Protein backbone atom coordinates (compact mmCIF):
# COMPACT_ATOMS: atom_id res chain seq x y z
CA MET A 1 -23.15 9.38 12.65
CA SER A 2 -21.44 12.55 13.78
CA THR A 3 -17.92 12.37 15.10
CA ALA A 4 -18.99 13.83 18.41
CA SER A 5 -21.41 10.96 19.05
CA VAL A 6 -18.60 8.44 18.86
CA VAL A 7 -17.28 9.51 22.23
CA THR A 8 -20.32 8.11 23.98
CA SER A 9 -20.74 5.14 21.63
CA PRO A 10 -20.91 1.72 23.30
CA SER A 11 -18.06 0.68 21.03
CA VAL A 12 -15.65 3.14 22.64
CA VAL A 13 -16.01 3.23 26.39
CA LYS A 14 -15.01 6.29 28.44
CA PRO A 15 -16.57 6.40 31.91
CA ARG A 16 -18.30 9.64 32.82
CA GLY A 17 -15.78 11.97 34.40
CA ALA A 18 -12.81 10.05 33.02
CA LYS A 19 -9.59 11.92 32.44
CA ALA A 20 -8.07 12.30 28.97
CA THR A 21 -5.22 10.01 30.02
CA ASP A 22 -7.55 7.21 31.19
CA PRO A 23 -7.54 4.19 28.88
CA THR A 24 -9.98 3.98 25.99
CA VAL A 25 -11.68 0.57 25.89
CA THR A 26 -12.54 -0.59 22.37
CA ASP A 27 -14.97 -3.27 21.28
CA PRO A 28 -13.02 -6.17 19.68
CA ALA A 29 -15.83 -6.79 17.17
CA LEU A 30 -15.67 -3.18 16.00
CA VAL A 31 -11.89 -3.38 15.73
CA ARG A 32 -12.18 -6.46 13.52
CA ARG A 33 -14.66 -4.65 11.26
CA ALA A 34 -12.30 -1.68 11.03
CA VAL A 35 -9.41 -3.92 10.01
CA LYS A 36 -11.48 -5.68 7.34
CA ALA A 37 -12.77 -2.43 5.88
CA ALA A 38 -9.30 -0.86 5.76
CA ALA A 39 -7.61 -3.95 4.32
CA LEU A 40 -10.20 -4.29 1.54
CA GLY A 41 -9.30 -0.85 0.18
CA ASN A 42 -5.64 -1.80 0.03
CA ALA A 43 -6.59 -5.10 -1.61
CA MET A 44 -8.53 -3.27 -4.32
CA GLU A 45 -5.64 -0.89 -5.00
CA TRP A 46 -3.21 -3.76 -5.49
CA PHE A 47 -5.74 -5.88 -7.39
CA ASP A 48 -5.69 -3.10 -9.98
CA PHE A 49 -1.88 -2.97 -9.79
CA GLY A 50 -1.61 -6.71 -10.45
CA VAL A 51 -4.10 -6.61 -13.29
CA TYR A 52 -2.58 -3.58 -14.98
CA SER A 53 0.99 -4.87 -14.70
CA TYR A 54 0.29 -8.29 -16.19
CA ILE A 55 -2.17 -7.29 -18.89
CA ALA A 56 -0.07 -4.33 -20.05
CA VAL A 57 0.74 -5.82 -23.48
CA THR A 58 -2.96 -6.33 -24.25
CA LEU A 59 -3.84 -2.83 -23.01
CA GLY A 60 -1.19 -1.42 -25.35
CA LYS A 61 -2.90 -3.06 -28.31
CA VAL A 62 -6.33 -1.82 -27.20
CA PHE A 63 -5.57 1.80 -26.33
CA PHE A 64 -2.66 2.87 -28.53
CA PRO A 65 -1.96 2.93 -32.29
CA SER A 66 -0.81 -0.37 -33.77
CA GLY A 67 2.50 -0.91 -35.52
CA ASN A 68 5.10 -0.75 -32.75
CA PRO A 69 4.60 -3.16 -29.82
CA THR A 70 7.41 -1.54 -27.82
CA ALA A 71 5.86 1.92 -28.19
CA GLN A 72 2.47 0.50 -27.18
CA LEU A 73 3.92 -1.06 -24.04
CA LEU A 74 5.83 2.10 -23.11
CA SER A 75 2.68 4.18 -23.59
CA THR A 76 0.71 1.80 -21.38
CA PHE A 77 3.29 1.99 -18.61
CA GLY A 78 3.46 5.75 -19.10
CA ALA A 79 -0.23 5.96 -18.21
CA PHE A 80 0.49 3.62 -15.28
CA ALA A 81 3.33 5.84 -14.05
CA ALA A 82 1.16 8.95 -14.30
CA ALA A 83 -0.79 7.74 -11.30
CA PHE A 84 2.36 7.99 -9.18
CA LEU A 85 2.82 11.64 -10.16
CA VAL A 86 -0.49 12.69 -8.64
CA ARG A 87 -0.24 10.53 -5.50
CA PRO A 88 1.49 13.30 -3.48
CA LEU A 89 -1.24 15.72 -4.58
CA GLY A 90 -3.87 13.27 -3.38
CA GLY A 91 -2.01 12.95 -0.10
CA MET A 92 -1.92 16.71 0.34
CA VAL A 93 -5.69 16.90 -0.20
CA PHE A 94 -7.03 13.81 1.55
CA GLY A 95 -4.54 13.76 4.43
CA PRO A 96 -5.38 17.19 5.85
CA LEU A 97 -9.05 16.56 5.09
CA GLY A 98 -8.88 13.37 7.16
CA ASP A 99 -7.49 15.39 10.07
CA ARG A 100 -10.25 17.95 9.59
CA VAL A 101 -13.48 15.98 9.02
CA GLY A 102 -12.51 12.48 10.14
CA ARG A 103 -10.79 9.33 8.92
CA GLN A 104 -13.95 7.36 8.16
CA LYS A 105 -15.48 9.93 5.79
CA VAL A 106 -12.29 10.36 3.77
CA LEU A 107 -11.67 6.61 3.53
CA ALA A 108 -15.20 6.18 2.18
CA LEU A 109 -14.48 8.85 -0.43
CA THR A 110 -11.16 7.30 -1.51
CA MET A 111 -12.89 3.92 -1.84
CA ILE A 112 -15.51 5.41 -4.17
CA MET A 113 -12.86 7.10 -6.32
CA MET A 114 -10.60 4.05 -6.54
CA ALA A 115 -13.47 1.78 -7.54
CA ALA A 116 -14.83 4.31 -10.03
CA GLY A 117 -11.43 4.83 -11.68
CA THR A 118 -10.77 1.11 -12.05
CA PHE A 119 -14.32 0.32 -13.19
CA ALA A 120 -14.17 3.13 -15.75
CA ILE A 121 -11.12 1.58 -17.44
CA GLY A 122 -13.21 -1.49 -18.20
CA LEU A 123 -15.79 0.69 -20.00
CA ILE A 124 -13.46 2.78 -22.20
CA PRO A 125 -13.83 2.10 -25.95
CA SER A 126 -10.73 1.00 -27.83
CA TYR A 127 -8.44 3.17 -29.96
CA ALA A 128 -9.90 1.53 -33.05
CA THR A 129 -13.35 2.79 -32.00
CA ILE A 130 -12.80 6.38 -30.83
CA GLY A 131 -9.19 7.11 -31.75
CA VAL A 132 -7.08 9.35 -29.54
CA GLY A 133 -9.92 9.68 -27.06
CA ALA A 134 -9.17 6.16 -25.81
CA PRO A 135 -5.68 6.81 -24.39
CA VAL A 136 -6.86 10.19 -23.07
CA LEU A 137 -9.70 8.54 -21.12
CA LEU A 138 -7.30 5.85 -19.89
CA LEU A 139 -4.98 8.56 -18.59
CA VAL A 140 -7.85 10.36 -16.84
CA ALA A 141 -8.96 7.14 -15.15
CA ARG A 142 -5.41 6.44 -14.00
CA LEU A 143 -5.10 9.97 -12.61
CA VAL A 144 -8.32 9.49 -10.63
CA GLN A 145 -6.94 6.21 -9.27
CA GLY A 146 -3.60 7.75 -8.35
CA PHE A 147 -5.18 10.80 -6.73
CA SER A 148 -7.45 8.67 -4.54
CA THR A 149 -4.63 6.26 -3.68
CA GLY A 150 -2.74 9.23 -2.26
CA GLY A 151 -5.13 9.20 0.68
CA GLU A 152 -5.66 5.46 0.97
CA TYR A 153 -2.64 3.82 2.64
CA ALA A 154 -1.99 6.57 5.18
CA GLY A 155 -5.68 6.72 6.03
CA ALA A 156 -6.11 2.96 6.30
CA SER A 157 -3.02 2.50 8.48
CA THR A 158 -4.06 5.47 10.65
CA PHE A 159 -7.57 4.05 10.96
CA ILE A 160 -6.36 0.63 12.13
CA ALA A 161 -3.67 2.09 14.41
CA GLU A 162 -6.16 4.39 16.15
CA TYR A 163 -8.65 1.59 16.66
CA ALA A 164 -6.20 -1.09 17.78
CA PRO A 165 -5.36 -1.72 21.45
CA ASP A 166 -1.79 -0.66 22.18
CA LYS A 167 -0.58 -4.21 22.78
CA ARG A 168 -2.04 -5.61 19.53
CA ARG A 169 -1.38 -2.77 17.09
CA GLY A 170 1.33 -4.67 15.22
CA PHE A 171 -0.77 -7.79 14.72
CA LEU A 172 -3.88 -5.89 13.64
CA GLY A 173 -1.91 -3.52 11.40
CA SER A 174 -0.25 -6.45 9.62
CA TRP A 175 -3.60 -7.37 8.08
CA LEU A 176 -3.46 -4.18 6.01
CA GLU A 177 -0.55 -5.57 3.99
CA PHE A 178 -2.22 -8.98 4.03
CA GLY A 179 -4.90 -7.23 1.97
CA THR A 180 -2.21 -5.84 -0.34
CA LEU A 181 -0.82 -9.30 -1.03
CA ALA A 182 -4.27 -10.83 -1.45
CA GLY A 183 -5.27 -8.12 -3.93
CA TYR A 184 -2.10 -8.49 -5.97
CA ILE A 185 -2.37 -12.29 -6.07
CA GLY A 186 -6.03 -11.99 -7.05
CA GLY A 187 -5.33 -9.54 -9.87
CA ALA A 188 -2.25 -11.23 -11.29
CA GLY A 189 -3.76 -14.69 -10.83
CA LEU A 190 -6.95 -13.69 -12.65
CA VAL A 191 -4.95 -12.35 -15.61
CA THR A 192 -2.90 -15.56 -15.71
CA LEU A 193 -6.07 -17.65 -15.69
CA MET A 194 -7.70 -15.57 -18.42
CA THR A 195 -4.56 -15.74 -20.55
CA ALA A 196 -4.64 -19.53 -20.28
CA LEU A 197 -8.38 -19.88 -21.02
CA LEU A 198 -8.98 -17.22 -23.67
CA SER A 199 -7.55 -16.89 -27.13
CA ALA A 200 -5.39 -13.85 -27.86
CA ASP A 201 -8.18 -12.34 -29.98
CA ASP A 202 -10.84 -12.82 -27.28
CA LEU A 203 -8.53 -11.37 -24.63
CA THR A 204 -7.91 -8.29 -26.79
CA SER A 205 -11.50 -7.78 -27.90
CA TRP A 206 -13.39 -8.21 -24.62
CA GLY A 207 -11.63 -10.40 -22.05
CA TRP A 208 -9.31 -7.68 -20.75
CA ARG A 209 -12.33 -5.72 -19.48
CA ILE A 210 -13.44 -8.36 -16.96
CA PRO A 211 -10.81 -7.72 -14.23
CA PHE A 212 -11.46 -3.98 -14.28
CA LEU A 213 -15.25 -4.38 -14.15
CA ILE A 214 -14.88 -6.57 -11.06
CA ALA A 215 -13.77 -3.42 -9.23
CA GLY A 216 -17.38 -2.16 -9.26
CA PRO A 217 -18.83 -4.82 -6.93
CA MET A 218 -15.62 -4.79 -4.85
CA GLY A 219 -15.97 -1.04 -4.37
CA ILE A 220 -19.63 -1.33 -3.32
CA ILE A 221 -18.74 -3.96 -0.72
CA GLY A 222 -15.83 -1.88 0.56
CA LEU A 223 -17.93 1.26 0.73
CA TYR A 224 -20.64 -0.60 2.67
CA LEU A 225 -18.09 -1.84 5.20
CA ARG A 226 -16.54 1.59 5.63
CA MET A 227 -19.83 3.44 5.93
CA ARG A 228 -20.86 1.11 8.78
CA LEU A 229 -17.82 2.09 10.83
CA GLU A 230 -17.69 4.73 13.52
CA GLU A 231 -14.95 7.32 13.76
CA THR A 232 -11.73 6.25 15.48
CA PRO A 233 -11.52 6.80 19.26
CA ALA A 234 -8.41 8.98 18.89
CA PHE A 235 -10.04 11.37 16.41
CA ALA A 236 -13.30 11.40 18.40
CA ALA A 237 -11.33 12.44 21.49
CA GLU A 238 -9.73 15.30 19.54
CA VAL A 239 -13.17 16.51 18.48
CA ALA A 240 -14.46 16.22 22.03
CA LYS A 241 -11.58 18.33 23.35
CA ALA A 242 -12.42 21.07 20.86
CA GLU A 243 -16.17 20.74 21.67
CA LYS A 244 -16.87 21.46 17.99
CA ASP A 245 -15.41 20.66 14.58
CA ARG A 246 -11.65 20.79 14.74
CA PRO A 247 -9.89 23.91 13.48
CA LYS A 248 -8.10 23.57 10.16
CA VAL A 249 -4.45 22.58 10.51
CA PRO A 250 -2.28 24.48 8.00
CA LEU A 251 -0.41 22.31 5.50
CA ARG A 252 2.78 24.12 6.50
CA GLU A 253 2.38 22.90 10.08
CA MET A 254 2.03 19.31 8.84
CA VAL A 255 5.39 19.65 7.09
CA THR A 256 7.62 22.11 8.94
CA GLY A 257 6.10 21.30 12.32
CA GLN A 258 6.81 17.60 11.80
CA TRP A 259 10.01 17.77 9.73
CA ARG A 260 11.96 15.25 11.82
CA ALA A 261 9.16 12.68 11.82
CA LEU A 262 8.61 13.30 8.10
CA LEU A 263 12.27 12.55 7.32
CA LEU A 264 12.06 9.33 9.32
CA CYS A 265 8.85 8.46 7.48
CA VAL A 266 10.46 9.05 4.07
CA GLY A 267 13.44 6.88 5.02
CA LEU A 268 11.30 4.02 6.32
CA VAL A 269 8.93 4.15 3.36
CA LEU A 270 11.93 4.27 0.99
CA VAL A 271 13.36 0.92 2.12
CA PHE A 272 9.86 -0.53 2.41
CA ASN A 273 8.80 0.42 -1.11
CA VAL A 274 12.08 0.04 -2.99
CA THR A 275 12.30 -3.58 -1.84
CA ASP A 276 8.55 -4.09 -2.34
CA TYR A 277 8.47 -2.82 -5.93
CA MET A 278 11.76 -4.55 -6.70
CA LEU A 279 10.43 -7.95 -5.69
CA LEU A 280 6.79 -7.74 -6.74
CA SER A 281 6.94 -5.46 -9.77
CA TYR A 282 10.44 -5.54 -11.25
CA MET A 283 11.56 -9.13 -10.65
CA PRO A 284 9.02 -10.76 -13.01
CA SER A 285 10.31 -8.49 -15.80
CA TYR A 286 13.92 -9.14 -14.74
CA LEU A 287 13.38 -12.89 -14.99
CA THR A 288 11.83 -12.54 -18.43
CA SER A 289 13.81 -9.79 -20.15
CA GLU A 290 17.24 -10.04 -18.54
CA LEU A 291 17.46 -13.76 -17.71
CA HIS A 292 15.15 -14.99 -20.52
CA TYR A 293 13.04 -16.92 -18.05
CA ASP A 294 9.66 -18.25 -19.14
CA LYS A 295 7.10 -15.51 -18.42
CA THR A 296 4.40 -17.77 -16.96
CA HIS A 297 6.84 -19.64 -14.72
CA GLY A 298 8.32 -16.35 -13.51
CA LEU A 299 4.88 -15.04 -12.58
CA LEU A 300 3.98 -18.26 -10.78
CA VAL A 301 7.18 -18.04 -8.72
CA VAL A 302 6.31 -14.49 -7.67
CA LEU A 303 2.74 -15.47 -6.79
CA GLY A 304 4.08 -18.40 -4.75
CA VAL A 305 6.42 -16.09 -2.84
CA MET A 306 3.53 -13.72 -2.12
CA ALA A 307 1.42 -16.60 -0.83
CA VAL A 308 4.22 -17.50 1.61
CA MET A 309 4.42 -13.85 2.65
CA MET A 310 0.66 -13.81 3.35
CA VAL A 311 1.02 -16.77 5.69
CA ALA A 312 3.93 -15.16 7.56
CA GLN A 313 2.36 -11.69 7.73
CA PRO A 314 0.17 -11.94 10.87
CA PHE A 315 2.79 -13.96 12.77
CA VAL A 316 5.48 -11.33 12.16
CA GLY A 317 2.96 -8.60 13.00
CA ALA A 318 2.33 -10.28 16.36
CA LEU A 319 6.09 -10.59 16.84
CA THR A 320 6.44 -6.81 16.57
CA ASP A 321 4.05 -6.48 19.51
CA ARG A 322 6.29 -8.70 21.63
CA VAL A 323 9.82 -7.63 20.67
CA GLY A 324 9.14 -4.19 19.17
CA ARG A 325 8.92 -2.62 15.70
CA ARG A 326 12.53 -1.46 15.65
CA PRO A 327 14.18 -4.89 16.00
CA VAL A 328 11.97 -6.39 13.28
CA ILE A 329 12.49 -3.53 10.81
CA ALA A 330 16.23 -3.48 11.61
CA THR A 331 16.38 -7.22 10.88
CA GLY A 332 14.85 -6.57 7.47
CA CYS A 333 17.36 -3.81 6.71
CA ALA A 334 20.32 -5.95 7.82
CA GLY A 335 18.98 -8.87 5.82
CA PHE A 336 18.71 -6.88 2.60
CA LEU A 337 22.17 -5.43 3.17
CA LEU A 338 23.78 -8.85 3.66
CA LEU A 339 21.66 -11.15 1.53
CA SER A 340 20.66 -9.13 -1.55
CA VAL A 341 23.74 -10.21 -3.52
CA PRO A 342 23.53 -13.94 -2.57
CA ALA A 343 19.77 -13.94 -3.29
CA LEU A 344 20.21 -12.34 -6.71
CA LEU A 345 23.00 -14.80 -7.56
CA LEU A 346 20.59 -17.61 -6.77
CA ILE A 347 17.94 -16.00 -8.96
CA ARG A 348 20.44 -15.60 -11.80
CA ASP A 349 21.26 -19.30 -11.60
CA GLY A 350 18.02 -19.77 -13.54
CA SER A 351 16.90 -23.12 -12.17
CA LEU A 352 13.43 -23.20 -10.66
CA LEU A 353 14.71 -24.22 -7.21
CA ALA A 354 17.41 -21.53 -7.15
CA VAL A 355 15.00 -18.82 -8.31
CA ALA A 356 12.43 -19.90 -5.72
CA LEU A 357 15.03 -19.85 -2.93
CA GLY A 358 16.37 -16.43 -3.91
CA MET A 359 12.93 -14.88 -4.31
CA GLY A 360 11.69 -16.59 -1.13
CA ALA A 361 14.56 -15.15 0.91
CA LEU A 362 13.82 -11.64 -0.34
CA GLY A 363 10.10 -12.15 0.27
CA LEU A 364 10.58 -13.20 3.90
CA LEU A 365 12.86 -10.21 4.49
CA LEU A 366 10.21 -7.96 2.96
CA VAL A 367 7.69 -9.28 5.51
CA CYS A 368 9.77 -7.53 8.19
CA PHE A 369 8.59 -4.27 6.60
CA THR A 370 5.07 -5.19 5.46
CA ALA A 371 4.19 -6.51 8.94
CA ALA A 372 5.74 -3.68 10.97
CA MET A 373 5.21 -0.50 8.93
CA PRO A 374 1.39 -0.18 9.24
CA ALA A 375 1.85 0.15 13.01
CA ALA A 376 5.20 1.98 13.03
CA LEU A 377 4.42 4.78 10.57
CA PRO A 378 1.26 6.22 12.20
CA ALA A 379 3.10 6.24 15.55
CA LEU A 380 5.55 8.83 14.16
CA PHE A 381 2.93 11.60 14.28
CA PRO A 382 0.51 13.06 16.85
CA THR A 383 -3.24 12.59 16.38
CA ARG A 384 -3.84 16.19 15.34
CA VAL A 385 -1.79 15.88 12.12
CA ARG A 386 -1.36 12.10 11.81
CA TYR A 387 -3.37 11.51 8.64
CA GLY A 388 -2.04 14.58 6.84
CA SER A 389 1.64 14.30 7.73
CA LEU A 390 1.73 10.56 7.07
CA SER A 391 -0.01 11.01 3.71
CA ILE A 392 2.54 13.59 2.62
CA GLY A 393 5.62 11.68 3.78
CA PHE A 394 4.41 8.32 2.51
CA ASN A 395 3.35 9.46 -0.95
CA VAL A 396 6.37 11.66 -1.61
CA SER A 397 8.65 8.74 -0.78
CA VAL A 398 6.63 6.24 -2.85
CA SER A 399 6.53 8.56 -5.86
CA LEU A 400 10.22 9.48 -5.78
CA PHE A 401 11.73 6.14 -4.81
CA GLY A 402 9.26 3.24 -4.79
CA GLY A 403 7.36 3.73 -8.02
CA THR A 404 10.51 4.65 -9.93
CA THR A 405 12.43 1.52 -8.85
CA PRO A 406 11.81 -0.57 -12.01
CA LEU A 407 12.69 2.35 -14.27
CA VAL A 408 15.85 3.35 -12.37
CA VAL A 409 17.18 -0.19 -12.07
CA THR A 410 16.56 -0.88 -15.76
CA ALA A 411 18.41 2.33 -16.64
CA LEU A 412 21.31 1.42 -14.33
CA ILE A 413 21.67 -2.02 -15.94
CA GLY A 414 21.55 -0.42 -19.39
CA ALA A 415 24.17 2.19 -18.49
CA THR A 416 26.60 -0.12 -16.68
CA GLY A 417 25.85 -3.55 -18.10
CA ASN A 418 26.00 -4.83 -14.51
CA MET A 419 23.23 -7.38 -13.90
CA MET A 420 23.73 -7.12 -10.13
CA MET A 421 22.31 -3.60 -9.98
CA PRO A 422 19.01 -4.74 -8.39
CA ALA A 423 20.97 -6.11 -5.42
CA TYR A 424 23.07 -2.96 -5.04
CA TYR A 425 19.97 -0.78 -5.22
CA MET A 426 18.27 -2.75 -2.44
CA MET A 427 21.44 -2.58 -0.35
CA ALA A 428 21.53 1.22 -0.69
CA ALA A 429 17.89 1.43 0.36
CA ALA A 430 18.63 -0.82 3.35
CA VAL A 431 21.36 1.56 4.55
CA ILE A 432 18.95 4.52 4.44
CA GLY A 433 16.22 2.50 6.14
CA GLY A 434 18.66 1.31 8.81
CA PHE A 435 19.58 4.89 9.67
CA ALA A 436 15.87 5.78 9.97
CA VAL A 437 15.29 2.81 12.29
CA TRP A 438 18.23 3.89 14.43
CA ARG A 439 16.72 7.36 14.87
CA MET A 440 13.08 6.34 15.42
CA ALA A 441 11.55 5.71 18.85
CA GLU A 442 10.04 2.37 19.77
CA SER A 443 6.24 2.45 19.70
CA ALA A 444 5.23 -1.14 20.46
CA GLY A 445 2.87 -1.46 23.41
CA ARG A 446 2.67 2.30 23.89
CA PRO A 447 -0.13 4.81 23.22
CA LEU A 448 -0.01 6.71 19.96
CA PRO A 449 1.37 10.27 20.35
CA GLY A 450 -1.40 12.60 21.44
CA SER A 451 -3.78 9.75 22.30
CA ALA A 452 -4.86 8.08 25.52
CA PRO A 453 -3.86 4.47 26.18
CA SER A 454 -6.05 1.98 24.35
CA VAL A 455 -7.08 -1.46 25.63
CA ALA A 456 -9.48 -4.10 24.36
CA ALA A 457 -12.71 -4.82 26.19
CA PRO A 458 -12.68 -8.29 27.81
CA GLN A 459 -14.23 -11.05 25.73
CA ARG A 460 -17.67 -12.15 26.92
């Protein structure tokens, strides 16, 4: 379907002769399909993240020379980190492309690349079979994953935001991070189950491939859902105004022309991702390596916290529609500033109840970001450059601050010997995020910049 045909589609209603400022009426069924298709891509990304994180020791044995387990693990995480290096490049390619040819086409492409990269890992022969070619192929697959991920979150959040009625954008956007949590729980839970059911030899010889091969069918389903979608009403209106394919927007305009919004985006994404990676990625390792907590119990605690977050996610998303994005995000920042130290002291107590309470408190504070950001971030930018500018700001911030959180905190603990560094790091991020919230405009219940008001068609 061409983007121009969307304007007259029955799913997006604009009466003949309507003005550009007249409301766009969207079909609720189509909106639900858009949310499902966008959330599935995020779920697949974090399914891979959960699998890779918790099967890292086995991957080290499969893909790197034997003899030094520490070197194997570092090499495995080095390949993992490489994906973060190319995320900004992916954002700079897919973001502007999404503003040029449409959100739906680019999201279909990123889905194909993510699924192909993850599926390919499950097919790579071991180091014992092909030697140095194994880690090289692993690195290539990770780079493909990272490059495609650079266009995924910004595109998915833009897609949902542009489809959602103004008064329900927070609730509908919250399902994007619901997909993140579901994917992570699915990946980490599958690895935990396989570790319990398979012997160490079976896991190393063939079992590790299963989670990665699952990405193939997941990708086909996701691609099918995304290919069935029409272009977003906001992008279709931009195309209609131009009466032909939109002119190319220079990358410089997406950066220098949006520098204030980009800085706000970087600050919001910083607090969002530092706290996210701290809780979901670093804390399991902190419990095991620093506090000598049982690895399986530590993982189960994290998975339990994520399950609680999933339940809270849509309710907090709906709350942002009623009270606004700013109050909810500000509450999260204030909570991390005031409660990071008490929560970490509870975690360091070591008892299961204390660890669960500390992790649970941080998880519920994190929901203030996961539920609000998918609606708040796209509202920073006008339709013409929304996908591109958001991709650049989001991925630069994730690569510099979010993805490096485990490494930086580990280095800070090693340099200072202070086990409270995770709390101090989250507090610093909360200060930066709080300043960004103070400077951002409220977007709840209002049209996206550059777009007409959006309302849902009445239920029949």
